[in-house]
Amino acid sequence: MTDSHTCPICSGGVPTDERRGEYPGALSRFDNERCICSVCGQAEALLTPFFSTTYGLFMRKAQEARDWREWRRIVRIYRGLE
């Protein structure tokens, strides 16, 4: 279980480790509801089909299936966390 100041993708601080809890983080593109850290927000932006055809396909499939675990896994792989 994470708190609102912990990124549900990487467990880092929201919005950043240095500014944990000072203000809201990025909204995840998965559902536009979850607050994530700035770095994961940037990663999600770069994983869109516009920037990445391979990752973008996986992200789109995870979103269509409403599969948060797969979405999270793809972002973590992209960031080199898995």
C-alpha atoms as a PDB file:
ATOM      1  CA  MET A   1       0.000   0.000   0.000  1.00  0.00           C
ATOM      2  CA  THR A   2       1.351   3.417  -0.906  1.00  0.00           C
ATOM      3  CA  ASP A   3       0.428   6.843   0.381  1.00  0.00           C
ATOM      4  CA  SER A   4      -0.426   9.816  -1.811  1.00  0.00           C
ATOM      5  CA  HIS A   5       3.187  11.011  -1.674  1.00  0.00           C
ATOM      6  CA  THR A   6       4.626   7.728  -2.983  1.00  0.00           C
ATOM      7  CA  CYS A   7       4.633   6.887  -6.691  1.00  0.00           C
ATOM      8  CA  PRO A   8       2.652   3.675  -7.322  1.00  0.00           C
ATOM      9  CA  ILE A   9       4.996   2.829 -10.189  1.00  0.00           C
ATOM     10  CA  CYS A  10       8.496   3.294  -8.778  1.00  0.00           C
ATOM     11  CA  SER A  11       7.877   3.973  -5.049  1.00  0.00           C
ATOM     12  CA  GLY A  12       9.702   7.287  -5.349  1.00  0.00           C
ATOM     13  CA  GLY A  13       8.474  10.554  -3.883  1.00  0.00           C
ATOM     14  CA  VAL A  14       5.573  12.446  -5.448  1.00  0.00           C
ATOM     15  CA  PRO A  15       6.185  14.808  -7.126  1.00  0.00           C
ATOM     16  CA  THR A  16       9.917  14.112  -6.591  1.00  0.00           C
ATOM     17  CA  ASP A  17      12.059  12.660  -3.824  1.00  0.00           C
ATOM     18  CA  GLU A  18      13.393  16.143  -3.060  1.00  0.00           C
ATOM     19  CA  ARG A  19       9.924  17.738  -2.902  1.00  0.00           C
ATOM     20  CA  ARG A  20       7.877  14.798  -1.561  1.00  0.00           C
ATOM     21  CA  GLY A  21       4.359  15.963  -0.710  1.00  0.00           C
ATOM     22  CA  GLU A  22       4.895  19.646  -1.541  1.00  0.00           C
ATOM     23  CA  TYR A  23       2.422  19.521  -4.414  1.00  0.00           C
ATOM     24  CA  PRO A  24       0.591  16.896  -6.506  1.00  0.00           C
ATOM     25  CA  GLY A  25       2.520  14.827  -8.987  1.00  0.00           C
ATOM     26  CA  ALA A  26       1.721  14.013 -12.571  1.00  0.00           C
ATOM     27  CA  LEU A  27      -1.547  12.269 -13.385  1.00  0.00           C
ATOM     28  CA  SER A  28      -0.961   8.852 -14.847  1.00  0.00           C
ATOM     29  CA  ARG A  29      -2.096   8.532 -18.430  1.00  0.00           C
ATOM     30  CA  PHE A  30      -3.464   5.112 -17.481  1.00  0.00           C
ATOM     31  CA  ASP A  31      -6.588   6.518 -15.842  1.00  0.00           C
ATOM     32  CA  ASN A  32      -5.977  10.247 -15.273  1.00  0.00           C
ATOM     33  CA  GLU A  33      -6.590   9.626 -11.553  1.00  0.00           C
ATOM     34  CA  ARG A  34      -3.395   8.239 -10.010  1.00  0.00           C
ATOM     35  CA  CYS A  35      -0.701  10.691  -8.997  1.00  0.00           C
ATOM     36  CA  ILE A  36       2.745   9.518 -10.041  1.00  0.00           C
ATOM     37  CA  CYS A  37       6.196  11.030  -9.734  1.00  0.00           C
ATOM     38  CA  SER A  38       7.516  13.444 -12.319  1.00  0.00           C
ATOM     39  CA  VAL A  39      10.024  10.931 -13.742  1.00  0.00           C
ATOM     40  CA  CYS A  40       7.361   8.245 -14.275  1.00  0.00           C
ATOM     41  CA  GLY A  41       5.107  10.920 -15.792  1.00  0.00           C
ATOM     42  CA  GLN A  42       7.831  11.766 -18.300  1.00  0.00           C
ATOM     43  CA  ALA A  43       8.369   8.067 -19.022  1.00  0.00           C
ATOM     44  CA  GLU A  44       4.656   7.577 -19.694  1.00  0.00           C
ATOM     45  CA  ALA A  45       4.719  10.510 -22.113  1.00  0.00           C
ATOM     46  CA  LEU A  46       7.662   9.023 -24.002  1.00  0.00           C
ATOM     47  CA  LEU A  47       5.986   5.618 -24.191  1.00  0.00           C
ATOM     48  CA  THR A  48       3.068   6.861 -26.265  1.00  0.00           C
ATOM     49  CA  PRO A  49       2.743   5.487 -29.808  1.00  0.00           C
ATOM     50  CA  PHE A  50       3.842   8.899 -31.124  1.00  0.00           C
ATOM     51  CA  PHE A  51       7.312   8.486 -29.584  1.00  0.00           C
ATOM     52  CA  SER A  52       7.684   4.711 -29.281  1.00  0.00           C
ATOM     53  CA  THR A  53       5.964   2.312 -31.634  1.00  0.00           C
ATOM     54  CA  THR A  54       6.974  -0.802 -29.678  1.00  0.00           C
ATOM     55  CA  TYR A  55       6.302   0.421 -26.141  1.00  0.00           C
ATOM     56  CA  GLY A  56       3.314   2.410 -27.362  1.00  0.00           C
ATOM     57  CA  LEU A  57       1.640  -0.773 -28.603  1.00  0.00           C
ATOM     58  CA  PHE A  58       2.135  -2.475 -25.234  1.00  0.00           C
ATOM     59  CA  MET A  59       0.908   0.589 -23.361  1.00  0.00           C
ATOM     60  CA  ARG A  60      -2.206   0.847 -25.516  1.00  0.00           C
ATOM     61  CA  LYS A  61      -2.998  -2.850 -24.980  1.00  0.00           C
ATOM     62  CA  ALA A  62      -2.520  -2.544 -21.214  1.00  0.00           C
ATOM     63  CA  GLN A  63      -4.790   0.491 -21.094  1.00  0.00           C
ATOM     64  CA  GLU A  64      -7.483  -1.139 -23.230  1.00  0.00           C
ATOM     65  CA  ALA A  65      -7.413  -4.189 -20.933  1.00  0.00           C
ATOM     66  CA  ARG A  66      -7.454  -1.881 -17.860  1.00  0.00           C
ATOM     67  CA  ASP A  67      -4.384  -3.790 -16.686  1.00  0.00           C
ATOM     68  CA  TRP A  68      -2.584  -1.486 -14.227  1.00  0.00           C
ATOM     69  CA  ARG A  69       0.016  -4.141 -13.330  1.00  0.00           C
ATOM     70  CA  GLU A  70       1.097  -4.496 -16.960  1.00  0.00           C
ATOM     71  CA  TRP A  71       1.111  -0.705 -17.470  1.00  0.00           C
ATOM     72  CA  ARG A  72       3.270  -0.301 -14.360  1.00  0.00           C
ATOM     73  CA  ARG A  73       5.601  -3.101 -15.493  1.00  0.00           C
ATOM     74  CA  ILE A  74       6.170  -1.477 -18.908  1.00  0.00           C
ATOM     75  CA  VAL A  75       7.013   1.904 -17.351  1.00  0.00           C
ATOM     76  CA  ARG A  76       9.384   0.198 -14.895  1.00  0.00           C
ATOM     77  CA  ILE A  77      11.120  -1.705 -17.726  1.00  0.00           C
ATOM     78  CA  TYR A  78      11.471   1.506 -19.742  1.00  0.00           C
ATOM     79  CA  ARG A  79      13.001   3.255 -16.730  1.00  0.00           C
ATOM     80  CA  GLY A  80      15.416   0.357 -16.152  1.00  0.00           C
ATOM     81  CA  LEU A  81      13.828  -0.587 -12.829  1.00  0.00           C
ATOM     82  CA  GLU A  82      13.102  -4.188 -13.900  1.00  0.00           C
END
